[in-house]
């Protein structure tokens, strides 16, 4: 059976609709949830595009280990050896950019006079949810259902911070997935797979969908 991740379909649709979204945002036909913090719809779409493009870049952390691994060919009748890289990396679009944006949004929330406590509570709840949802797949890495993080982060944001739901959903969703999904499972994932990209394949779909859903939350 051919497996087509839901996140890949969302990426494809997002790229196709990006010019339309820019036009609609420019003429304010659609409302973007971050505008109350002074972030225009055009900037929001550019940030989402930067996250998408940045997902192609993994930044190595520390020393990498190279090991020989056997791979099966022709239904197991032939085996060949290849050099496989092991170690820890951080994904630019799935971790670095979302973390920087989360701290920036948190700062904007603070200077705008909103309470930060609801954001921290929502983030903690997302850490718990992500930890529960995360699964370690040997040979693949950490997997988390792509559709659930944006749903839970939106619900928590609307319940705890209805006055600034969009940035709250983004912060809680991205940080919750990164901490609960990746970081808290880091040691076990490295044990089974030998390599891991924080914010990379397995959790990036959920992080990117969190960005889209949070951007469309209207105050």
N, C-alpha and C. Protein backbone atom coordinates (compact mmCIF):
# COMPACT_ATOMS: atom_id res chain seq x y z
N UNK A 1 0.85 -1.20 0.00
CA UNK A 1 0.00 0.00 0.00
C UNK A 1 0.88 1.25 0.00
N UNK A 2 0.56 2.18 -0.84
CA UNK A 2 1.32 3.43 -0.90
C UNK A 2 0.80 4.38 0.16
N UNK A 3 1.72 4.86 1.02
CA UNK A 3 1.33 5.74 2.13
C UNK A 3 1.62 7.18 1.75
N UNK A 4 0.60 8.00 1.78
CA UNK A 4 0.75 9.42 1.44
C UNK A 4 0.38 10.25 2.66
N UNK A 5 1.37 10.79 3.39
CA UNK A 5 1.08 11.53 4.61
C UNK A 5 0.16 12.71 4.36
N UNK A 6 -0.74 12.96 5.30
CA UNK A 6 -1.68 14.07 5.15
C UNK A 6 -0.95 15.40 5.08
N UNK A 7 0.20 15.50 5.78
CA UNK A 7 0.96 16.74 5.76
C UNK A 7 1.48 17.07 4.37
N UNK A 8 1.88 16.05 3.60
CA UNK A 8 2.37 16.28 2.23
C UNK A 8 1.27 16.86 1.36
N UNK A 9 0.06 16.36 1.54
CA UNK A 9 -1.08 16.89 0.78
C UNK A 9 -1.33 18.34 1.16
N UNK A 10 -1.23 18.65 2.45
CA UNK A 10 -1.43 20.03 2.90
C UNK A 10 -0.35 20.94 2.32
N UNK A 11 0.91 20.46 2.29
CA UNK A 11 1.99 21.26 1.71
C UNK A 11 1.70 21.58 0.25
N UNK A 12 1.26 20.57 -0.50
CA UNK A 12 0.99 20.74 -1.91
C UNK A 12 -0.13 21.76 -2.14
N UNK A 13 -1.21 21.63 -1.36
CA UNK A 13 -2.33 22.56 -1.47
C UNK A 13 -1.91 23.97 -1.08
N UNK A 14 -1.07 24.05 -0.01
CA UNK A 14 -0.61 25.36 0.46
C UNK A 14 0.19 26.08 -0.63
N UNK A 15 1.09 25.35 -1.31
CA UNK A 15 1.89 25.96 -2.36
C UNK A 15 1.01 26.42 -3.51
N UNK A 16 0.02 25.61 -3.89
CA UNK A 16 -0.87 25.98 -4.99
C UNK A 16 -1.70 27.21 -4.65
N UNK A 17 -2.13 27.31 -3.40
CA UNK A 17 -3.01 28.41 -3.00
C UNK A 17 -2.27 29.63 -2.48
N UNK A 18 -0.93 29.55 -2.38
CA UNK A 18 -0.17 30.65 -1.81
C UNK A 18 -0.40 31.98 -2.55
N UNK A 19 -0.34 32.03 -3.91
CA UNK A 19 -0.62 33.31 -4.59
C UNK A 19 -2.02 33.85 -4.29
N UNK A 20 -3.00 32.96 -4.22
CA UNK A 20 -4.37 33.38 -3.91
C UNK A 20 -4.45 33.95 -2.50
N UNK A 21 -3.79 33.28 -1.55
CA UNK A 21 -3.81 33.76 -0.16
C UNK A 21 -3.15 35.12 -0.03
N UNK A 22 -2.08 35.35 -0.78
CA UNK A 22 -1.42 36.65 -0.75
C UNK A 22 -2.36 37.75 -1.24
N UNK A 23 -3.08 37.47 -2.34
CA UNK A 23 -4.02 38.47 -2.89
C UNK A 23 -5.16 38.74 -1.91
N UNK A 24 -5.73 37.67 -1.35
CA UNK A 24 -6.82 37.83 -0.40
C UNK A 24 -6.36 38.56 0.85
N UNK A 25 -5.16 38.22 1.31
CA UNK A 25 -4.63 38.90 2.48
C UNK A 25 -4.34 40.36 2.22
N UNK A 26 -3.83 40.67 1.03
CA UNK A 26 -3.50 42.05 0.68
C UNK A 26 -4.74 42.93 0.69
N UNK A 27 -5.83 42.39 0.17
CA UNK A 27 -7.07 43.17 0.12
C UNK A 27 -7.94 42.95 1.36
N UNK A 28 -7.36 42.24 2.38
CA UNK A 28 -8.05 42.01 3.65
C UNK A 28 -9.39 41.29 3.49
N UNK A 29 -9.47 40.44 2.46
CA UNK A 29 -10.67 39.64 2.26
C UNK A 29 -10.71 38.52 3.29
N UNK A 30 -9.51 38.02 3.66
CA UNK A 30 -9.44 37.05 4.76
C UNK A 30 -8.78 37.72 5.95
N UNK A 31 -9.15 37.28 7.14
CA UNK A 31 -8.56 37.81 8.36
C UNK A 31 -7.49 36.85 8.87
N UNK A 32 -6.36 37.37 9.26
CA UNK A 32 -5.28 36.57 9.80
C UNK A 32 -5.19 36.82 11.29
N UNK A 33 -5.10 35.74 12.06
CA UNK A 33 -5.20 35.85 13.51
C UNK A 33 -4.10 36.63 14.19
N UNK A 34 -2.97 36.87 13.52
CA UNK A 34 -1.86 37.56 14.16
C UNK A 34 -1.91 39.08 13.99
N UNK A 35 -2.89 39.60 13.26
CA UNK A 35 -2.92 41.03 12.96
C UNK A 35 -3.09 41.88 14.21
N UNK A 36 -3.69 41.33 15.24
CA UNK A 36 -3.87 42.11 16.46
C UNK A 36 -2.54 42.40 17.15
N UNK A 37 -1.53 41.60 16.84
CA UNK A 37 -0.19 41.84 17.39
C UNK A 37 0.66 42.67 16.43
N UNK A 38 0.05 43.19 15.38
CA UNK A 38 0.77 44.02 14.44
C UNK A 38 1.46 43.26 13.33
N UNK A 39 1.12 41.99 13.14
CA UNK A 39 1.73 41.17 12.09
C UNK A 39 0.72 41.03 10.96
N UNK A 40 1.06 41.57 9.81
CA UNK A 40 0.12 41.58 8.68
C UNK A 40 -0.07 40.19 8.11
N UNK A 41 -1.11 40.06 7.30
CA UNK A 41 -1.41 38.77 6.67
C UNK A 41 -0.29 38.37 5.70
N UNK A 42 0.29 39.38 5.01
CA UNK A 42 1.37 39.07 4.08
C UNK A 42 2.58 38.50 4.82
N UNK A 43 2.93 39.10 5.95
CA UNK A 43 4.07 38.62 6.74
C UNK A 43 3.78 37.22 7.28
N UNK A 44 2.54 36.98 7.71
CA UNK A 44 2.17 35.67 8.23
C UNK A 44 2.36 34.59 7.17
N UNK A 45 1.93 34.85 5.96
CA UNK A 45 2.08 33.88 4.88
C UNK A 45 3.55 33.66 4.53
N UNK A 46 4.35 34.72 4.59
CA UNK A 46 5.78 34.58 4.33
C UNK A 46 6.45 33.73 5.41
N UNK A 47 6.02 33.90 6.67
CA UNK A 47 6.57 33.09 7.76
C UNK A 47 6.23 31.61 7.57
N UNK A 48 4.99 31.33 7.16
CA UNK A 48 4.61 29.95 6.90
C UNK A 48 5.43 29.36 5.75
N UNK A 49 5.68 30.17 4.73
CA UNK A 49 6.48 29.71 3.61
C UNK A 49 7.93 29.46 4.05
N UNK A 50 8.46 30.33 4.93
CA UNK A 50 9.82 30.15 5.44
C UNK A 50 9.93 28.86 6.24
N UNK A 51 8.90 28.55 7.03
CA UNK A 51 8.89 27.30 7.79
C UNK A 51 8.89 26.11 6.85
N UNK A 52 8.10 26.20 5.79
CA UNK A 52 8.01 25.10 4.82
C UNK A 52 9.34 24.87 4.11
N UNK A 53 9.96 25.94 3.63
CA UNK A 53 11.24 25.82 2.94
C UNK A 53 12.34 25.39 3.90
N UNK A 54 12.30 25.92 5.12
CA UNK A 54 13.31 25.59 6.11
C UNK A 54 13.28 24.14 6.54
N UNK A 55 12.17 23.45 6.30
CA UNK A 55 12.08 22.04 6.68
C UNK A 55 13.05 21.17 5.91
N UNK A 56 13.59 21.69 4.81
CA UNK A 56 14.55 20.94 4.00
C UNK A 56 15.96 20.98 4.58
N UNK A 57 16.17 21.80 5.61
CA UNK A 57 17.52 22.01 6.15
C UNK A 57 17.63 21.46 7.56
N UNK A 58 18.55 20.54 7.78
CA UNK A 58 18.86 20.00 9.10
C UNK A 58 20.24 20.48 9.52
N UNK A 59 20.33 21.05 10.70
CA UNK A 59 21.59 21.58 11.22
C UNK A 59 22.16 20.59 12.22
N UNK A 60 23.32 19.99 11.94
CA UNK A 60 23.91 19.01 12.87
C UNK A 60 24.28 19.65 14.21
N UNK A 61 24.10 18.89 15.28
CA UNK A 61 24.49 19.31 16.62
C UNK A 61 25.55 18.34 17.14
N UNK A 62 26.72 18.86 17.47
CA UNK A 62 27.78 18.00 17.98
C UNK A 62 28.39 17.14 16.89
N UNK A 63 29.12 16.11 17.31
CA UNK A 63 29.80 15.23 16.39
C UNK A 63 28.84 14.17 15.83
N UNK A 64 29.07 13.84 14.57
CA UNK A 64 28.27 12.80 13.94
C UNK A 64 29.09 11.52 13.84
N UNK A 65 28.41 10.41 13.95
CA UNK A 65 29.05 9.11 13.91
C UNK A 65 28.66 8.41 12.62
N UNK A 66 29.64 7.82 11.95
CA UNK A 66 29.38 7.12 10.70
C UNK A 66 29.56 5.62 10.92
N UNK A 67 28.53 4.85 10.59
CA UNK A 67 28.57 3.42 10.80
C UNK A 67 28.19 2.71 9.51
N UNK A 68 28.62 1.45 9.42
CA UNK A 68 28.25 0.62 8.27
C UNK A 68 26.92 -0.07 8.56
N UNK A 69 26.02 0.00 7.60
CA UNK A 69 24.72 -0.65 7.75
C UNK A 69 24.43 -1.48 6.52
N UNK A 70 23.81 -2.61 6.74
CA UNK A 70 23.45 -3.48 5.63
C UNK A 70 22.03 -3.18 5.15
N UNK A 71 21.83 -3.19 3.86
CA UNK A 71 20.50 -3.02 3.31
C UNK A 71 20.18 -4.18 2.38
N UNK A 72 18.92 -4.55 2.40
CA UNK A 72 18.47 -5.71 1.63
C UNK A 72 18.02 -5.28 0.25
N UNK A 73 18.43 -6.05 -0.76
CA UNK A 73 18.03 -5.79 -2.14
C UNK A 73 17.43 -7.05 -2.76
N UNK A 74 16.61 -6.85 -3.75
CA UNK A 74 16.00 -7.97 -4.48
C UNK A 74 15.33 -8.97 -3.53
N UNK A 75 14.45 -8.41 -2.67
CA UNK A 75 13.63 -9.22 -1.75
C UNK A 75 14.48 -10.07 -0.81
N UNK A 76 15.64 -9.53 -0.40
CA UNK A 76 16.48 -10.21 0.57
C UNK A 76 17.51 -11.15 -0.01
N UNK A 77 17.52 -11.32 -1.35
CA UNK A 77 18.49 -12.23 -1.97
C UNK A 77 19.88 -11.61 -2.07
N UNK A 78 19.93 -10.31 -1.98
CA UNK A 78 21.22 -9.64 -2.11
C UNK A 78 21.32 -8.55 -1.05
N UNK A 79 22.44 -8.53 -0.36
CA UNK A 79 22.68 -7.52 0.67
C UNK A 79 23.91 -6.69 0.32
N UNK A 80 23.80 -5.41 0.59
CA UNK A 80 24.93 -4.51 0.36
C UNK A 80 25.14 -3.62 1.57
N UNK A 81 26.34 -3.14 1.71
CA UNK A 81 26.68 -2.29 2.85
C UNK A 81 26.73 -0.82 2.41
N UNK A 82 26.34 0.05 3.30
CA UNK A 82 26.44 1.48 3.03
C UNK A 82 26.81 2.20 4.32
N UNK A 83 27.38 3.37 4.17
CA UNK A 83 27.76 4.18 5.33
C UNK A 83 26.57 5.03 5.74
N UNK A 84 26.18 4.93 6.98
CA UNK A 84 25.03 5.66 7.50
C UNK A 84 25.48 6.64 8.57
N UNK A 85 24.99 7.87 8.47
CA UNK A 85 25.33 8.91 9.44
C UNK A 85 24.37 8.86 10.62
N UNK A 86 24.93 8.93 11.83
CA UNK A 86 24.13 8.94 13.05
C UNK A 86 24.49 10.15 13.90
N UNK A 87 23.51 10.68 14.59
CA UNK A 87 23.76 11.84 15.44
C UNK A 87 22.51 12.68 15.58
N UNK A 88 22.66 13.81 16.21
CA UNK A 88 21.54 14.70 16.50
C UNK A 88 21.61 15.95 15.62
N UNK A 89 20.46 16.36 15.13
CA UNK A 89 20.36 17.57 14.31
C UNK A 89 19.10 18.33 14.72
N UNK A 90 19.03 19.56 14.29
CA UNK A 90 17.83 20.37 14.54
C UNK A 90 17.35 20.91 13.20
N UNK A 91 16.07 20.76 12.94
CA UNK A 91 15.49 21.18 11.66
C UNK A 91 15.21 22.68 11.68
N UNK A 92 15.62 23.37 10.62
CA UNK A 92 15.46 24.82 10.56
C UNK A 92 13.99 25.23 10.55
N UNK A 93 13.20 24.61 9.68
CA UNK A 93 11.80 24.99 9.56
C UNK A 93 10.91 24.38 10.62
N UNK A 94 11.31 23.22 11.15
CA UNK A 94 10.48 22.54 12.13
C UNK A 94 10.81 22.85 13.57
N UNK A 95 11.96 23.51 13.82
CA UNK A 95 12.36 23.80 15.20
C UNK A 95 12.89 25.22 15.37
N UNK A 96 13.93 25.58 14.64
CA UNK A 96 14.60 26.87 14.85
C UNK A 96 13.65 28.04 14.61
N UNK A 97 13.03 28.08 13.43
CA UNK A 97 12.13 29.19 13.10
C UNK A 97 10.91 29.22 14.03
N UNK A 98 10.22 28.08 14.26
CA UNK A 98 9.08 28.11 15.19
C UNK A 98 9.45 28.53 16.61
N UNK A 99 10.62 28.12 17.10
CA UNK A 99 11.03 28.51 18.46
C UNK A 99 11.26 30.02 18.53
N UNK A 100 11.97 30.57 17.53
CA UNK A 100 12.22 32.01 17.51
C UNK A 100 10.91 32.79 17.40
N UNK A 101 10.00 32.30 16.56
CA UNK A 101 8.70 32.97 16.41
C UNK A 101 7.89 32.88 17.70
N UNK A 102 7.97 31.75 18.39
CA UNK A 102 7.23 31.58 19.64
C UNK A 102 7.68 32.59 20.69
N UNK A 103 8.99 32.75 20.83
CA UNK A 103 9.50 33.73 21.79
C UNK A 103 9.14 35.16 21.38
N UNK A 104 9.15 35.41 20.07
CA UNK A 104 8.77 36.74 19.58
C UNK A 104 7.28 37.01 19.84
N UNK A 105 6.43 36.03 19.56
CA UNK A 105 5.00 36.19 19.84
C UNK A 105 4.75 36.36 21.33
N UNK A 106 5.51 35.62 22.15
CA UNK A 106 5.36 35.75 23.59
C UNK A 106 5.71 37.16 24.04
N UNK A 107 6.75 37.72 23.44
CA UNK A 107 7.15 39.10 23.76
C UNK A 107 6.06 40.09 23.32
N UNK A 108 5.49 39.88 22.13
CA UNK A 108 4.43 40.77 21.65
C UNK A 108 3.19 40.68 22.54
N UNK A 109 2.88 39.47 23.00
CA UNK A 109 1.75 39.30 23.92
C UNK A 109 1.98 40.09 25.20
N UNK A 110 3.20 40.02 25.72
CA UNK A 110 3.54 40.71 26.97
C UNK A 110 3.47 42.22 26.82
N UNK A 111 4.06 42.77 25.75
CA UNK A 111 4.06 44.22 25.60
C UNK A 111 2.68 44.74 25.20
N UNK A 112 1.81 43.85 24.70
CA UNK A 112 0.44 44.27 24.36
C UNK A 112 -0.47 44.29 25.57
N UNK A 113 0.04 43.85 26.73
CA UNK A 113 -0.74 43.92 27.96
C UNK A 113 -1.54 42.68 28.29
N UNK A 114 -1.35 41.60 27.51
CA UNK A 114 -2.07 40.36 27.79
C UNK A 114 -1.29 39.53 28.82
N UNK A 115 -2.02 38.69 29.54
CA UNK A 115 -1.39 37.81 30.53
C UNK A 115 -0.71 36.65 29.82
N UNK A 116 0.47 36.28 30.31
CA UNK A 116 1.24 35.20 29.71
C UNK A 116 0.85 33.83 30.30
N UNK A 117 0.26 33.84 31.49
CA UNK A 117 -0.07 32.59 32.18
C UNK A 117 -0.92 31.64 31.33
N UNK A 118 -1.97 32.11 30.64
CA UNK A 118 -2.75 31.18 29.80
C UNK A 118 -1.91 30.49 28.72
N UNK A 119 -0.94 31.21 28.18
CA UNK A 119 -0.07 30.62 27.16
C UNK A 119 0.77 29.50 27.75
N UNK A 120 1.30 29.73 28.96
CA UNK A 120 2.12 28.73 29.62
C UNK A 120 1.30 27.49 29.96
N UNK A 121 0.06 27.70 30.40
CA UNK A 121 -0.81 26.56 30.73
C UNK A 121 -1.13 25.77 29.47
N UNK A 122 -1.47 26.47 28.38
CA UNK A 122 -1.78 25.80 27.12
C UNK A 122 -0.57 25.03 26.60
N UNK A 123 0.62 25.60 26.75
CA UNK A 123 1.84 24.93 26.31
C UNK A 123 2.08 23.67 27.13
N UNK A 124 1.89 23.76 28.43
CA UNK A 124 2.06 22.58 29.29
C UNK A 124 1.08 21.48 28.89
N UNK A 125 -0.16 21.84 28.62
CA UNK A 125 -1.15 20.84 28.20
C UNK A 125 -0.76 20.20 26.87
N UNK A 126 -0.21 21.01 25.96
CA UNK A 126 0.22 20.46 24.67
C UNK A 126 1.43 19.55 24.82
N UNK A 127 2.30 19.85 25.78
CA UNK A 127 3.44 18.96 26.05
C UNK A 127 2.92 17.59 26.49
N UNK A 128 1.94 17.59 27.38
CA UNK A 128 1.36 16.34 27.87
C UNK A 128 0.69 15.58 26.73
N UNK A 129 -0.10 16.28 25.92
CA UNK A 129 -0.80 15.63 24.80
C UNK A 129 0.20 15.07 23.79
N UNK A 130 1.22 15.86 23.46
CA UNK A 130 2.21 15.42 22.47
C UNK A 130 3.01 14.23 22.98
N UNK A 131 3.35 14.24 24.27
CA UNK A 131 4.06 13.11 24.85
C UNK A 131 3.23 11.84 24.76
N UNK A 132 1.93 11.97 24.98
CA UNK A 132 1.03 10.82 24.91
C UNK A 132 0.87 10.32 23.47
N UNK A 133 0.86 11.24 22.50
CA UNK A 133 0.62 10.87 21.11
C UNK A 133 1.87 10.36 20.40
N UNK A 134 3.04 10.78 20.86
CA UNK A 134 4.29 10.45 20.17
C UNK A 134 4.58 8.96 20.22
N UNK A 135 5.04 8.43 19.11
CA UNK A 135 5.43 7.03 19.02
C UNK A 135 6.81 6.95 18.35
N UNK A 136 7.66 6.10 18.90
CA UNK A 136 8.99 5.91 18.33
C UNK A 136 8.94 4.72 17.37
N UNK A 137 9.28 4.98 16.13
CA UNK A 137 9.27 3.95 15.10
C UNK A 137 10.72 3.62 14.75
N UNK A 138 11.19 2.39 15.07
CA UNK A 138 12.56 2.01 14.76
C UNK A 138 12.88 2.18 13.28
N UNK A 139 14.00 2.81 13.01
CA UNK A 139 14.42 3.04 11.64
C UNK A 139 13.81 4.26 11.00
N UNK A 140 12.83 4.86 11.66
CA UNK A 140 12.15 6.05 11.11
C UNK A 140 12.37 7.25 12.01
N UNK A 141 12.04 7.12 13.28
CA UNK A 141 12.17 8.23 14.22
C UNK A 141 10.91 8.38 15.05
N UNK A 142 10.61 9.60 15.43
CA UNK A 142 9.44 9.89 16.25
C UNK A 142 8.28 10.30 15.35
N UNK A 143 7.15 9.66 15.53
CA UNK A 143 5.95 9.96 14.74
C UNK A 143 4.86 10.48 15.64
N UNK A 144 4.10 11.44 15.13
CA UNK A 144 2.97 11.99 15.86
C UNK A 144 1.86 12.30 14.85
N UNK A 145 0.60 11.96 15.15
CA UNK A 145 -0.48 12.24 14.19
C UNK A 145 -0.53 13.71 13.82
N UNK A 146 -0.48 14.00 12.53
CA UNK A 146 -0.34 15.38 12.07
C UNK A 146 -1.54 16.26 12.40
N UNK A 147 -2.75 15.68 12.37
CA UNK A 147 -3.96 16.49 12.52
C UNK A 147 -4.30 16.83 13.97
N UNK A 148 -3.80 16.05 14.93
CA UNK A 148 -4.22 16.25 16.32
C UNK A 148 -3.58 17.45 17.00
N UNK A 149 -2.28 17.74 16.84
CA UNK A 149 -1.70 18.92 17.50
C UNK A 149 -2.40 20.23 17.16
N UNK A 150 -2.70 20.54 15.87
CA UNK A 150 -3.40 21.80 15.61
C UNK A 150 -4.80 21.85 16.20
N UNK A 151 -5.48 20.70 16.26
CA UNK A 151 -6.83 20.67 16.84
C UNK A 151 -6.77 20.97 18.34
N UNK A 152 -5.88 20.27 19.06
CA UNK A 152 -5.78 20.47 20.50
C UNK A 152 -5.27 21.86 20.83
N UNK A 153 -4.27 22.36 20.09
CA UNK A 153 -3.72 23.68 20.39
C UNK A 153 -4.77 24.77 20.15
N UNK A 154 -5.59 24.61 19.12
CA UNK A 154 -6.66 25.58 18.86
C UNK A 154 -7.71 25.56 19.97
N UNK A 155 -8.07 24.36 20.42
CA UNK A 155 -9.06 24.24 21.50
C UNK A 155 -8.54 24.87 22.77
N UNK A 156 -7.30 24.55 23.15
CA UNK A 156 -6.72 25.11 24.38
C UNK A 156 -6.61 26.63 24.30
N UNK A 157 -6.23 27.14 23.11
CA UNK A 157 -6.08 28.59 22.95
C UNK A 157 -7.42 29.29 23.03
N UNK A 158 -8.44 28.73 22.42
CA UNK A 158 -9.77 29.36 22.45
C UNK A 158 -10.37 29.33 23.85
N UNK A 159 -10.07 28.28 24.61
CA UNK A 159 -10.61 28.18 25.96
C UNK A 159 -9.84 29.05 26.96
N UNK A 160 -8.50 29.09 26.83
CA UNK A 160 -7.68 29.77 27.82
C UNK A 160 -7.32 31.20 27.44
N UNK A 161 -7.23 31.48 26.15
CA UNK A 161 -6.82 32.82 25.72
C UNK A 161 -7.62 33.28 24.52
N UNK A 162 -8.93 33.44 24.67
CA UNK A 162 -9.76 33.81 23.52
C UNK A 162 -9.43 35.19 22.94
N UNK A 163 -8.83 36.07 23.75
CA UNK A 163 -8.49 37.40 23.26
C UNK A 163 -7.27 37.42 22.35
N UNK A 164 -6.42 36.41 22.44
CA UNK A 164 -5.25 36.31 21.57
C UNK A 164 -5.01 34.84 21.23
N UNK A 165 -6.03 34.21 20.68
CA UNK A 165 -6.01 32.77 20.43
C UNK A 165 -4.94 32.36 19.43
N UNK A 166 -4.73 33.16 18.38
CA UNK A 166 -3.80 32.77 17.32
C UNK A 166 -2.37 32.59 17.83
N UNK A 167 -1.76 33.62 18.45
CA UNK A 167 -0.39 33.41 18.94
C UNK A 167 -0.30 32.38 20.04
N UNK A 168 -1.33 32.27 20.87
CA UNK A 168 -1.33 31.26 21.93
C UNK A 168 -1.34 29.86 21.32
N UNK A 169 -2.14 29.65 20.29
CA UNK A 169 -2.20 28.34 19.63
C UNK A 169 -0.87 28.00 18.98
N UNK A 170 -0.24 29.00 18.36
CA UNK A 170 1.04 28.75 17.71
C UNK A 170 2.11 28.38 18.73
N UNK A 171 2.22 29.17 19.79
CA UNK A 171 3.24 28.90 20.81
C UNK A 171 3.01 27.55 21.47
N UNK A 172 1.77 27.32 21.92
CA UNK A 172 1.46 26.06 22.61
C UNK A 172 1.64 24.86 21.69
N UNK A 173 1.19 25.00 20.44
CA UNK A 173 1.26 23.88 19.51
C UNK A 173 2.68 23.52 19.13
N UNK A 174 3.46 24.52 18.71
CA UNK A 174 4.82 24.23 18.27
C UNK A 174 5.72 23.81 19.42
N UNK A 175 5.70 24.56 20.52
CA UNK A 175 6.55 24.23 21.66
C UNK A 175 6.11 22.91 22.31
N UNK A 176 4.80 22.67 22.34
CA UNK A 176 4.29 21.43 22.92
C UNK A 176 4.76 20.22 22.14
N UNK A 177 4.69 20.31 20.80
CA UNK A 177 5.13 19.19 19.96
C UNK A 177 6.63 18.98 20.07
N UNK A 178 7.39 20.08 20.05
CA UNK A 178 8.85 19.96 20.11
C UNK A 178 9.31 19.38 21.45
N UNK A 179 8.71 19.86 22.54
CA UNK A 179 9.12 19.38 23.86
C UNK A 179 8.55 17.99 24.14
N UNK A 180 7.23 17.86 24.01
CA UNK A 180 6.58 16.60 24.34
C UNK A 180 6.82 15.51 23.33
N UNK A 181 6.89 15.88 22.05
CA UNK A 181 7.07 14.87 21.02
C UNK A 181 8.51 14.50 20.79
N UNK A 182 9.39 15.50 20.67
CA UNK A 182 10.79 15.24 20.33
C UNK A 182 11.71 15.16 21.54
N UNK A 183 11.81 16.26 22.30
CA UNK A 183 12.84 16.36 23.34
C UNK A 183 12.65 15.33 24.44
N UNK A 184 11.41 15.12 24.91
CA UNK A 184 11.19 14.15 25.98
C UNK A 184 11.38 12.70 25.53
N UNK A 185 11.42 12.49 24.22
CA UNK A 185 11.66 11.14 23.68
C UNK A 185 13.03 11.03 23.03
N UNK A 186 13.87 12.03 23.25
CA UNK A 186 15.14 12.12 22.55
C UNK A 186 16.04 10.92 22.81
N UNK A 187 16.24 10.57 24.08
CA UNK A 187 17.17 9.49 24.41
C UNK A 187 16.69 8.15 23.84
N UNK A 188 15.41 7.89 23.96
CA UNK A 188 14.88 6.62 23.46
C UNK A 188 14.94 6.55 21.93
N UNK A 189 14.68 7.68 21.27
CA UNK A 189 14.71 7.70 19.81
C UNK A 189 16.12 7.48 19.29
N UNK A 190 17.10 8.09 19.93
CA UNK A 190 18.48 7.91 19.52
C UNK A 190 18.94 6.47 19.75
N UNK A 191 18.40 5.84 20.80
CA UNK A 191 18.76 4.46 21.10
C UNK A 191 18.27 3.52 20.00
N UNK A 192 17.06 3.76 19.50
CA UNK A 192 16.48 2.88 18.49
C UNK A 192 16.94 3.21 17.07
N UNK A 193 17.18 4.50 16.81
CA UNK A 193 17.45 4.91 15.44
C UNK A 193 18.88 5.41 15.20
N UNK A 194 19.55 5.83 16.25
CA UNK A 194 20.91 6.32 16.10
C UNK A 194 21.01 7.74 15.59
N UNK A 195 19.92 8.28 15.08
CA UNK A 195 19.92 9.66 14.60
C UNK A 195 18.53 10.25 14.77
N UNK A 196 18.49 11.57 14.90
CA UNK A 196 17.21 12.25 15.07
C UNK A 196 17.37 13.72 14.70
N UNK A 197 16.38 14.23 14.01
CA UNK A 197 16.32 15.66 13.71
C UNK A 197 15.16 16.26 14.49
N UNK A 198 15.48 17.13 15.45
CA UNK A 198 14.44 17.77 16.26
C UNK A 198 13.60 18.68 15.36
N UNK A 199 12.31 18.42 15.35
CA UNK A 199 11.42 19.19 14.48
C UNK A 199 11.40 18.71 13.04
N UNK A 200 12.06 17.59 12.79
CA UNK A 200 12.13 17.08 11.43
C UNK A 200 11.01 16.12 11.09
N UNK A 201 11.31 15.17 10.23
CA UNK A 201 10.30 14.22 9.77
C UNK A 201 9.67 13.50 10.94
N UNK A 202 8.37 13.36 10.88
CA UNK A 202 7.63 12.69 11.94
C UNK A 202 6.79 13.65 12.75
N UNK A 203 7.34 14.83 13.02
CA UNK A 203 6.57 15.82 13.79
C UNK A 203 6.37 17.12 13.00
N UNK A 204 7.11 17.29 11.90
CA UNK A 204 7.01 18.55 11.16
C UNK A 204 5.63 18.78 10.59
N UNK A 205 4.98 17.73 10.10
CA UNK A 205 3.62 17.89 9.55
C UNK A 205 2.71 18.55 10.58
N UNK A 206 2.77 18.06 11.82
CA UNK A 206 1.93 18.62 12.88
C UNK A 206 2.29 20.05 13.19
N UNK A 207 3.59 20.38 13.20
CA UNK A 207 4.03 21.74 13.50
C UNK A 207 3.57 22.71 12.41
N UNK A 208 3.71 22.29 11.15
CA UNK A 208 3.30 23.17 10.06
C UNK A 208 1.79 23.38 10.05
N UNK A 209 1.04 22.32 10.33
CA UNK A 209 -0.42 22.46 10.41
C UNK A 209 -0.83 23.34 11.58
N UNK A 210 -0.08 23.29 12.68
CA UNK A 210 -0.34 24.19 13.81
C UNK A 210 -0.21 25.64 13.34
N UNK A 211 0.82 25.92 12.56
CA UNK A 211 1.02 27.27 12.05
C UNK A 211 -0.13 27.74 11.18
N UNK A 212 -0.62 26.86 10.30
CA UNK A 212 -1.73 27.23 9.42
C UNK A 212 -3.01 27.47 10.21
N UNK A 213 -3.34 26.53 11.10
CA UNK A 213 -4.58 26.64 11.88
C UNK A 213 -4.55 27.86 12.80
N UNK A 214 -3.42 28.08 13.47
CA UNK A 214 -3.32 29.23 14.38
C UNK A 214 -3.42 30.55 13.62
N UNK A 215 -2.86 30.60 12.40
CA UNK A 215 -2.92 31.82 11.61
C UNK A 215 -4.34 32.16 11.19
N UNK A 216 -5.19 31.15 11.09
CA UNK A 216 -6.57 31.37 10.66
C UNK A 216 -7.55 31.52 11.81
N UNK A 217 -7.05 31.47 13.05
CA UNK A 217 -7.94 31.70 14.19
C UNK A 217 -8.25 33.18 14.29
N UNK A 218 -9.51 33.51 14.34
CA UNK A 218 -9.93 34.91 14.38
C UNK A 218 -10.26 35.28 15.83
N UNK A 219 -9.84 36.47 16.22
CA UNK A 219 -10.11 36.92 17.60
C UNK A 219 -11.60 37.16 17.77
